[in-house]
Every structure is written in C-alpha cells, then in structure tokens.
Amino acid sequence: MDTRSQHLIFDAVSERDFTESDIEAIKKIIETNLTVIKKVEHKFTPQGETIVFILSESHFTIHTYPENRYLSMDIYVCNLETNLEKIMEEIKAVIPFEKIDSRILQRGKIGHREDNRNLNMVYFLTVVVACCSILYEFLLAQSISTTMGNTALRYNLTIGLFIASMGFGALLYKKFISKDYFKEFIKVELILSLVGGVAPILVLIIDYLFNSFSRTSGVSFFSSWVQTPLFTMNHLLIVAIGFLSGLELPLLMDMSKQFKVTKGYFVLAYDYLGTLIGAILFPIVILPSLHIFTIGYVVSLINILVALFVMIKMNIENKKYKFIIWTMLIIWVLLIINSNTVNQLIVEKFYFGGKF
C-alpha cells in the first residue's frame, strides 16, 4: 500500500467574529471535495468548538478560538491527486481572514516501499531530455551562425542565454507547473518538441523575411534596423527552449520524489551527464551525418516518444494528450522519412546564400 500522503496545516485569524454560517461553510467545502465517513463535533463552554471528520482519504479537524478570532485546521489525505490548495482557496473565499499561516507537508515517504525501477526511469528520462535540450541549442547556434555569421559569438551567446533562461524557468516553476507532475511533464515535452523541432527552420524563415525587407526597402541588410530585430527574434527561440528546459529539471526532481526519498542532486548529476552526451555527439556524430533540419525532426521525435512513454508507464488517461502525441508522431515520422525532399524545398524557398 502507498503510504505517501498530504497534510495541510492551516492557522488563521479572521477580520471579524466567527459566525455559525462560517463554520458550516467550511464543513460544506470539506464534504464537497472529500468523502466524509463519520463526524464528531463538540462545543465548549463558554465558547470554542472542535470538529473532527473521519474521511475515506484520512481525516479533517478544526478548532476554533472565538475570543481570539482564531481557528486551527488540519486536512490529512492519502490521495496525492487531491488538490489541497484548491480547498484552501475555497475556504479563504468564504471567510475574510486577517492573517494566515499555512503549509502543505508531504507525509508517509519513509513508509513507502521504494520503487527503484520507476526511479531509474526518471534518471534515464533526465539524461535523454537534457541531451535533447542541449542539441536544440546547438542546432540554433549552428543555424544562426550560418545565417548571421560569426560562429564563435553565436555559440557563446546561445549557451549563455540557454543557461540564463533555464534559471528563469526554474525560478518561475511554481507559477507555471501544478502538482500533477507527470501530466505537466508530458505537456512541457510536447511544447518543447514543437518549438525545438522547427527552430532551425524558423531561423531560416526569419532571416529570409529580413533579407526580403532589406531588398524591397533599400535598407542595407547589415543596418541596425535589420540586424537588431533579426538578432532579437532569433534569440527569443533560444530563450524559449531554455525556459522550457528550466521547467523540466525541477519537474524531474519532483517526479523522482514520488518514488523515493531522494536528493535533488541525483537528478542534477544525470542532467549534467545528458548535457555532456549531447555536447559530444553533436559535432562528432550527428552534425556530420544529418541535415540540420533533419536533426531537429529526430530530436523532436525523441521528446514526443518520452511523453508517450511517461503516459503509458504512469497509466495517464488524457484523450487530448493522446491525440496530440499521436498526431505529432505521425507528422514527425513523415518529416523524417521525406526529410530530403522537405529540406530541399525549404532551403530553395528561404535561403539566400549557398547550401544550408
């Protein structure tokens, strides 16, 4: 049996005296969101009340101190999918609190039987997605240096922006990611796959549009009026992929904690390993063997397969994700199969220079 659980501890002081309807509203919220098996309530003299609900998920308790306009509440649930933050927000909406001290604790980890197979799965996924992320950035650096020149500058700036954007992704992780970690991971992989897979083509199209503008307007292509927005748009792609990669890492850390009481630096270590693998493979094996657009398709396909693997492995039922995954799989496989024809058409249409 899975012993892992969540424990909401909620202490609050109201702006006004408690009313009977306030307490009834809290009880109704608990009954709506959780499964109540038994209720025990006791009112003290001259004031104060203690309420205990036995839940199928575990238990709920509330203690009121009307003379201080203070209440203490605990919700303990063994269902990790229960959204305690939502319940807390509903309670805050019915009573005007002046002060709140709340936190959600993760309980039962030491009683949970370790699942090393699933934990090793997370470590393996960390290596794979880290490798994919750095490959996307190398693809962008190569594409931008091909269209704008100055290879050393493009590579250095790409890696610098990538690392900085990863930091912003990690910093804003809680604002973008819910506690449904595996579904969120699938979503991030699909977005990253879409952005990263077409990024080299977008660089070429952006370059083509600014070249066309400079020719029709008579403005020199090397003018700051052309180079500055071209530089900005190209590097927004770097920032987008770096930001998404920055969401991946804390997501993988939280996923690993679902299987074992573990240290975050294990995931970090495997992330660094995946980055190293990508950095070695790109110049030695991948770039000499495949067209730059085809590399994007292949790496993107890997991200899609990762999302599909997690969905199957964790028994996640989501029709929308399934449709998106299978649609993208079909498109990307067709792109890879017909990559020579597709790449030639793109280059002939959008590249001003020689061979891309």
Protein backbone atom coordinates (compact mmCIF):
# COMPACT_ATOMS: atom_id res chain seq x y z
CA MET A 1 0.00 0.00 0.00
CA ASP A 2 1.17 3.50 -0.81
CA THR A 3 1.71 5.37 2.47
CA ARG A 4 2.51 8.72 0.88
CA SER A 5 0.04 11.47 1.76
CA GLN A 6 -0.53 15.22 2.03
CA HIS A 7 -1.10 17.25 5.17
CA LEU A 8 -2.50 20.78 5.05
CA ILE A 9 -1.83 22.82 8.21
CA PHE A 10 -3.89 25.99 8.26
CA ASP A 11 -3.85 28.61 11.03
CA ALA A 12 -5.77 31.84 10.54
CA VAL A 13 -7.14 34.92 12.30
CA SER A 14 -10.39 36.37 10.98
CA GLU A 15 -11.04 40.06 10.39
CA ARG A 16 -14.33 39.69 12.30
CA ASP A 17 -16.01 37.37 14.79
CA PHE A 18 -16.80 33.88 13.56
CA THR A 19 -20.42 33.04 12.82
CA GLU A 20 -22.16 29.71 12.73
CA SER A 21 -22.51 30.07 8.96
CA ASP A 22 -18.72 30.40 8.63
CA ILE A 23 -18.15 27.02 10.25
CA GLU A 24 -20.98 25.45 8.24
CA ALA A 25 -19.43 26.83 5.04
CA ILE A 26 -16.08 25.21 5.87
CA LYS A 27 -17.78 21.89 6.63
CA LYS A 28 -19.68 22.05 3.33
CA ILE A 29 -16.43 22.66 1.41
CA ILE A 30 -14.87 19.58 3.04
CA GLU A 31 -17.95 17.46 2.32
CA THR A 32 -17.97 18.60 -1.31
CA ASN A 33 -14.30 17.91 -2.01
CA LEU A 34 -13.67 14.86 0.20
CA THR A 35 -15.50 11.71 1.29
CA VAL A 36 -16.80 12.02 4.86
CA ILE A 37 -17.39 8.73 6.72
CA LYS A 38 -18.05 9.94 10.26
CA LYS A 39 -18.42 13.28 12.08
CA VAL A 40 -17.65 14.20 15.69
CA GLU A 41 -18.39 17.73 16.92
CA HIS A 42 -18.09 19.25 20.38
CA LYS A 43 -18.85 22.80 21.55
CA PHE A 44 -17.04 24.05 24.63
CA THR A 45 -18.34 26.35 27.36
CA PRO A 46 -18.34 29.32 27.18
CA GLN A 47 -17.09 29.23 23.58
CA GLY A 48 -14.98 27.34 21.11
CA GLU A 49 -15.60 24.27 19.04
CA THR A 50 -13.73 21.17 17.88
CA ILE A 51 -14.85 19.28 14.78
CA VAL A 52 -13.37 16.01 13.53
CA PHE A 53 -14.34 14.33 10.26
CA ILE A 54 -13.14 10.82 9.52
CA LEU A 55 -12.55 10.73 5.77
CA SER A 56 -12.05 7.82 3.43
CA GLU A 57 -8.94 9.77 2.45
CA SER A 58 -7.92 10.14 6.18
CA HIS A 59 -9.16 12.95 8.44
CA PHE A 60 -10.10 16.63 8.84
CA THR A 61 -10.04 18.64 12.08
CA ILE A 62 -10.87 22.21 13.04
CA HIS A 63 -10.50 24.01 16.38
CA THR A 64 -11.97 27.48 16.91
CA TYR A 65 -10.99 30.12 19.46
CA PRO A 66 -13.70 32.77 19.02
CA GLU A 67 -12.27 35.09 21.70
CA ASN A 68 -9.16 35.45 19.51
CA ARG A 69 -10.98 35.14 16.15
CA TYR A 70 -8.55 32.27 15.52
CA LEU A 71 -9.01 28.83 14.02
CA SER A 72 -6.65 25.91 13.55
CA MET A 73 -7.39 23.41 10.81
CA ASP A 74 -5.75 20.20 9.53
CA ILE A 75 -6.59 18.21 6.42
CA TYR A 76 -4.71 14.94 6.03
CA VAL A 77 -5.34 12.98 2.82
CA CYS A 78 -3.66 9.86 1.45
CA ASN A 79 -4.71 10.72 -2.12
CA LEU A 80 -1.83 12.56 -3.80
CA GLU A 81 -4.17 13.78 -6.54
CA THR A 82 -6.34 15.77 -4.09
CA ASN A 83 -5.86 19.49 -4.66
CA LEU A 84 -5.48 20.83 -1.12
CA GLU A 85 -4.55 24.27 -2.41
CA LYS A 86 -7.94 24.49 -4.15
CA ILE A 87 -9.73 23.53 -0.92
CA MET A 88 -7.72 26.12 0.99
CA GLU A 89 -8.60 28.83 -1.56
CA GLU A 90 -12.30 27.95 -1.29
CA ILE A 91 -12.16 28.35 2.50
CA LYS A 92 -10.34 31.66 2.20
CA ALA A 93 -13.08 32.85 -0.14
CA VAL A 94 -15.88 32.43 2.44
CA ILE A 95 -14.16 33.99 5.49
CA PRO A 96 -12.26 37.31 5.42
CA PHE A 97 -9.00 36.37 7.13
CA GLU A 98 -6.65 38.97 8.51
CA LYS A 99 -3.66 36.66 8.99
CA ILE A 100 -2.90 33.23 7.56
CA ASP A 101 -0.13 30.76 8.24
CA SER A 102 -0.48 27.67 6.06
CA ARG A 103 1.67 24.97 4.53
CA ILE A 104 1.25 21.61 2.84
CA LEU A 105 3.53 18.83 4.08
CA GLN A 106 4.38 15.63 2.25
CA ARG A 107 3.86 12.74 4.66
CA GLY A 108 4.42 8.99 4.63
CA LYS A 109 7.52 8.89 2.45
CA ILE A 110 9.55 6.78 4.88
CA GLY A 111 6.79 4.15 4.93
CA HIS A 112 6.59 3.97 1.15
CA ARG A 113 8.23 0.99 -0.45
CA GLU A 114 10.89 2.27 -2.78
CA ASP A 115 10.33 1.68 -6.46
CA ASN A 116 13.83 1.69 -7.86
CA ARG A 117 12.59 0.78 -11.34
CA ASN A 118 10.50 3.92 -11.60
CA LEU A 119 13.22 5.99 -10.01
CA ASN A 120 15.72 4.70 -12.55
CA MET A 121 13.16 5.57 -15.23
CA VAL A 122 13.21 9.20 -14.06
CA TYR A 123 17.02 9.24 -14.11
CA PHE A 124 17.04 7.81 -17.63
CA LEU A 125 14.49 10.39 -18.78
CA THR A 126 16.65 13.11 -17.25
CA VAL A 127 19.63 12.05 -19.34
CA VAL A 128 17.53 11.87 -22.52
CA VAL A 129 15.74 15.22 -22.19
CA ALA A 130 18.92 17.02 -21.11
CA CYS A 131 20.64 15.66 -24.21
CA CYS A 132 17.72 16.83 -26.36
CA SER A 133 17.71 20.33 -24.87
CA ILE A 134 21.40 20.96 -25.48
CA LEU A 135 21.04 19.58 -29.02
CA TYR A 136 18.28 22.11 -29.71
CA GLU A 137 20.58 24.90 -28.58
CA PHE A 138 23.47 23.65 -30.71
CA LEU A 139 21.10 23.49 -33.67
CA LEU A 140 20.08 27.08 -33.06
CA ALA A 141 23.69 28.21 -32.67
CA GLN A 142 24.62 26.48 -35.94
CA SER A 143 21.59 27.90 -37.76
CA ILE A 144 22.12 31.46 -36.52
CA SER A 145 25.84 31.39 -37.26
CA THR A 146 25.06 30.12 -40.79
CA THR A 147 22.63 32.98 -41.48
CA MET A 148 24.28 35.80 -39.49
CA GLY A 149 27.94 34.74 -39.40
CA ASN A 150 30.45 34.98 -36.51
CA THR A 151 30.24 31.36 -35.31
CA ALA A 152 32.16 31.88 -32.05
CA LEU A 153 29.84 34.70 -30.96
CA ARG A 154 26.69 32.78 -31.90
CA TYR A 155 27.69 29.63 -29.99
CA ASN A 156 28.86 31.50 -26.89
CA LEU A 157 25.78 33.70 -26.79
CA THR A 158 23.46 30.75 -27.39
CA ILE A 159 24.86 28.72 -24.49
CA GLY A 160 24.90 31.77 -22.21
CA LEU A 161 21.28 32.64 -22.99
CA PHE A 162 20.29 28.99 -22.66
CA ILE A 163 21.71 28.69 -19.14
CA ALA A 164 20.23 32.05 -18.06
CA SER A 165 16.80 31.08 -19.46
CA MET A 166 16.96 27.75 -17.62
CA GLY A 167 17.45 29.76 -14.44
CA PHE A 168 14.32 31.81 -15.16
CA GLY A 169 12.38 28.62 -15.89
CA ALA A 170 13.42 27.11 -12.56
CA LEU A 171 12.66 30.39 -10.77
CA LEU A 172 9.11 30.58 -12.18
CA TYR A 173 8.50 26.83 -11.91
CA LYS A 174 5.79 27.08 -9.24
CA LYS A 175 3.85 29.67 -11.24
CA PHE A 176 3.64 27.52 -14.37
CA ILE A 177 3.54 23.95 -13.04
CA SER A 178 0.80 22.31 -10.98
CA LYS A 179 1.32 19.34 -8.65
CA ASP A 180 0.19 16.86 -11.28
CA TYR A 181 3.86 16.39 -12.15
CA PHE A 182 3.65 13.63 -14.74
CA LYS A 183 0.92 15.33 -16.80
CA GLU A 184 2.81 18.60 -16.58
CA PHE A 185 5.99 16.86 -17.74
CA ILE A 186 4.16 15.48 -20.78
CA LYS A 187 2.86 18.97 -21.60
CA VAL A 188 6.34 20.52 -21.34
CA GLU A 189 7.83 17.79 -23.56
CA LEU A 190 5.21 18.35 -26.26
CA ILE A 191 5.71 22.12 -26.28
CA LEU A 192 9.49 21.71 -26.28
CA SER A 193 9.23 19.21 -29.11
CA LEU A 194 7.19 21.61 -31.20
CA VAL A 195 9.40 24.67 -30.58
CA GLY A 196 12.72 22.84 -30.80
CA GLY A 197 11.84 20.75 -33.84
CA VAL A 198 11.04 23.73 -36.05
CA ALA A 199 13.53 26.21 -34.54
CA PRO A 200 16.23 25.83 -37.25
CA ILE A 201 13.58 26.32 -39.95
CA LEU A 202 12.22 29.39 -38.16
CA VAL A 203 15.74 30.87 -38.07
CA LEU A 204 15.96 30.47 -41.84
CA ILE A 205 12.48 31.94 -42.41
CA ILE A 206 13.20 34.91 -40.12
CA ASP A 207 16.46 35.55 -41.98
CA TYR A 208 14.62 35.30 -45.31
CA LEU A 209 11.96 37.82 -44.24
CA PHE A 210 14.54 40.37 -43.12
CA ASN A 211 16.57 39.83 -46.29
CA SER A 212 13.42 40.42 -48.33
CA PHE A 213 12.64 43.54 -46.33
CA SER A 214 16.14 44.97 -46.86
CA ARG A 215 15.95 44.35 -50.61
CA THR A 216 12.49 45.83 -51.13
CA SER A 217 13.03 48.80 -48.80
CA GLY A 218 16.55 49.59 -49.96
CA VAL A 219 17.87 49.37 -46.39
CA SER A 220 21.20 47.55 -46.10
CA PHE A 221 20.89 44.08 -44.60
CA PHE A 222 23.75 44.96 -42.27
CA SER A 223 21.95 48.05 -40.99
CA SER A 224 20.99 48.07 -37.32
CA TRP A 225 17.37 48.50 -38.46
CA VAL A 226 17.56 44.95 -39.82
CA GLN A 227 20.20 43.28 -37.66
CA THR A 228 18.73 44.26 -34.26
CA PRO A 229 15.21 42.79 -34.70
CA LEU A 230 16.69 39.80 -36.56
CA PHE A 231 19.04 39.20 -33.65
CA THR A 232 16.17 39.58 -31.16
CA MET A 233 13.75 37.21 -32.88
CA ASN A 234 16.38 34.50 -33.36
CA HIS A 235 17.44 34.66 -29.76
CA LEU A 236 13.87 34.55 -28.48
CA LEU A 237 13.87 30.96 -29.75
CA ILE A 238 16.93 30.26 -27.57
CA VAL A 239 15.21 31.80 -24.56
CA ALA A 240 12.00 29.79 -25.16
CA ILE A 241 13.83 26.46 -25.30
CA GLY A 242 15.99 27.38 -22.31
CA PHE A 243 12.93 28.39 -20.29
CA LEU A 244 11.14 25.11 -21.06
CA SER A 245 14.30 23.16 -20.18
CA GLY A 246 14.40 25.10 -16.91
CA LEU A 247 10.90 23.81 -16.13
CA GLU A 248 11.98 20.24 -16.95
CA LEU A 249 14.66 19.97 -14.27
CA PRO A 250 12.57 20.77 -11.14
CA LEU A 251 9.76 18.71 -12.67
CA LEU A 252 12.06 15.69 -12.89
CA MET A 253 13.19 16.32 -9.29
CA ASP A 254 9.57 16.32 -8.10
CA MET A 255 8.84 13.21 -10.18
CA SER A 256 11.76 11.37 -8.55
CA LYS A 257 10.41 12.25 -5.10
CA GLN A 258 7.20 10.38 -5.92
CA PHE A 259 9.13 7.10 -5.82
CA LYS A 260 11.77 7.55 -3.17
CA VAL A 261 13.08 9.94 -0.53
CA THR A 262 15.95 11.17 -2.68
CA LYS A 263 18.28 14.10 -3.02
CA GLY A 264 17.82 16.63 -5.82
CA TYR A 265 21.45 16.46 -6.77
CA PHE A 266 20.96 12.93 -8.17
CA VAL A 267 18.71 14.39 -10.87
CA LEU A 268 21.16 17.25 -11.37
CA ALA A 269 24.01 14.78 -11.87
CA TYR A 270 22.08 12.89 -14.56
CA ASP A 271 21.08 16.18 -16.19
CA TYR A 272 24.74 17.19 -16.47
CA LEU A 273 25.54 13.75 -17.88
CA GLY A 274 22.86 14.11 -20.57
CA THR A 275 24.19 17.56 -21.47
CA LEU A 276 27.71 16.14 -21.83
CA ILE A 277 26.47 13.32 -24.08
CA GLY A 278 24.68 15.81 -26.34
CA ALA A 279 27.72 18.09 -26.46
CA ILE A 280 29.95 15.19 -27.59
CA LEU A 281 27.52 13.63 -30.07
CA PHE A 282 26.56 16.84 -31.88
CA PRO A 283 29.90 17.78 -33.53
CA ILE A 284 31.36 14.27 -33.83
CA VAL A 285 28.41 12.10 -34.88
CA ILE A 286 25.18 13.99 -35.50
CA LEU A 287 26.10 17.12 -37.47
CA PRO A 288 28.35 15.32 -40.00
CA SER A 289 25.67 12.66 -40.61
CA LEU A 290 22.35 14.54 -40.88
CA HIS A 291 20.96 17.72 -42.41
CA ILE A 292 20.44 20.36 -39.73
CA PHE A 293 16.64 20.34 -40.23
CA THR A 294 16.53 16.54 -40.01
CA ILE A 295 18.40 16.68 -36.69
CA GLY A 296 15.59 18.92 -35.42
CA TYR A 297 12.94 16.42 -36.52
CA VAL A 298 14.77 13.49 -34.88
CA VAL A 299 15.41 15.25 -31.56
CA SER A 300 11.82 16.50 -31.53
CA LEU A 301 10.61 12.94 -32.14
CA ILE A 302 12.59 11.79 -29.10
CA ASN A 303 10.77 14.33 -26.91
CA ILE A 304 7.42 13.08 -28.23
CA LEU A 305 8.40 9.46 -27.53
CA VAL A 306 9.42 10.46 -23.99
CA ALA A 307 5.97 11.99 -23.47
CA LEU A 308 4.29 8.84 -24.83
CA PHE A 309 6.47 6.61 -22.64
CA VAL A 310 5.56 8.52 -19.46
CA MET A 311 1.86 8.44 -20.37
CA ILE A 312 1.94 4.66 -20.84
CA LYS A 313 4.24 3.93 -17.88
CA MET A 314 2.23 6.01 -15.40
CA ASN A 315 -1.18 4.93 -16.80
CA ILE A 316 -2.22 8.51 -17.52
CA GLU A 317 -5.60 8.77 -19.23
CA ASN A 318 -5.91 12.02 -21.16
CA LYS A 319 -7.62 11.96 -24.56
CA LYS A 320 -6.33 15.39 -25.56
CA TYR A 321 -2.70 14.46 -24.86
CA LYS A 322 -3.11 11.13 -26.64
CA PHE A 323 -4.49 12.84 -29.74
CA ILE A 324 -1.70 15.44 -29.76
CA ILE A 325 1.03 12.84 -29.21
CA TRP A 326 -0.14 10.50 -31.96
CA THR A 327 -0.74 13.37 -34.38
CA MET A 328 2.73 14.77 -33.78
CA LEU A 329 4.27 11.30 -34.03
CA ILE A 330 2.73 10.75 -37.46
CA ILE A 331 3.78 14.19 -38.71
CA TRP A 332 7.35 13.91 -37.42
CA VAL A 333 7.84 10.37 -38.76
CA LEU A 334 6.63 11.53 -42.17
CA LEU A 335 9.00 14.51 -41.99
CA ILE A 336 11.94 12.23 -41.23
CA ILE A 337 11.04 9.77 -43.98
CA ASN A 338 10.69 12.58 -46.53
CA SER A 339 13.36 14.83 -45.00
CA ASN A 340 15.50 15.11 -48.15
CA THR A 341 12.62 16.42 -50.22
CA VAL A 342 11.19 18.65 -47.48
CA ASN A 343 14.58 20.13 -46.56
CA GLN A 344 15.43 20.86 -50.20
CA LEU A 345 12.11 22.67 -50.71
CA ILE A 346 12.62 24.77 -47.58
CA VAL A 347 16.19 25.73 -48.50
CA GLU A 348 15.29 26.58 -52.10
CA LYS A 349 12.43 28.76 -50.91
CA PHE A 350 14.01 30.58 -47.98
CA TYR A 351 17.82 30.54 -48.20
CA PHE A 352 19.58 33.42 -49.96
CA GLY A 353 23.08 32.03 -49.64
CA GLY A 354 24.61 28.77 -50.81
CA LYS A 355 23.99 25.37 -49.27
CA PHE A 356 22.39 25.42 -45.83
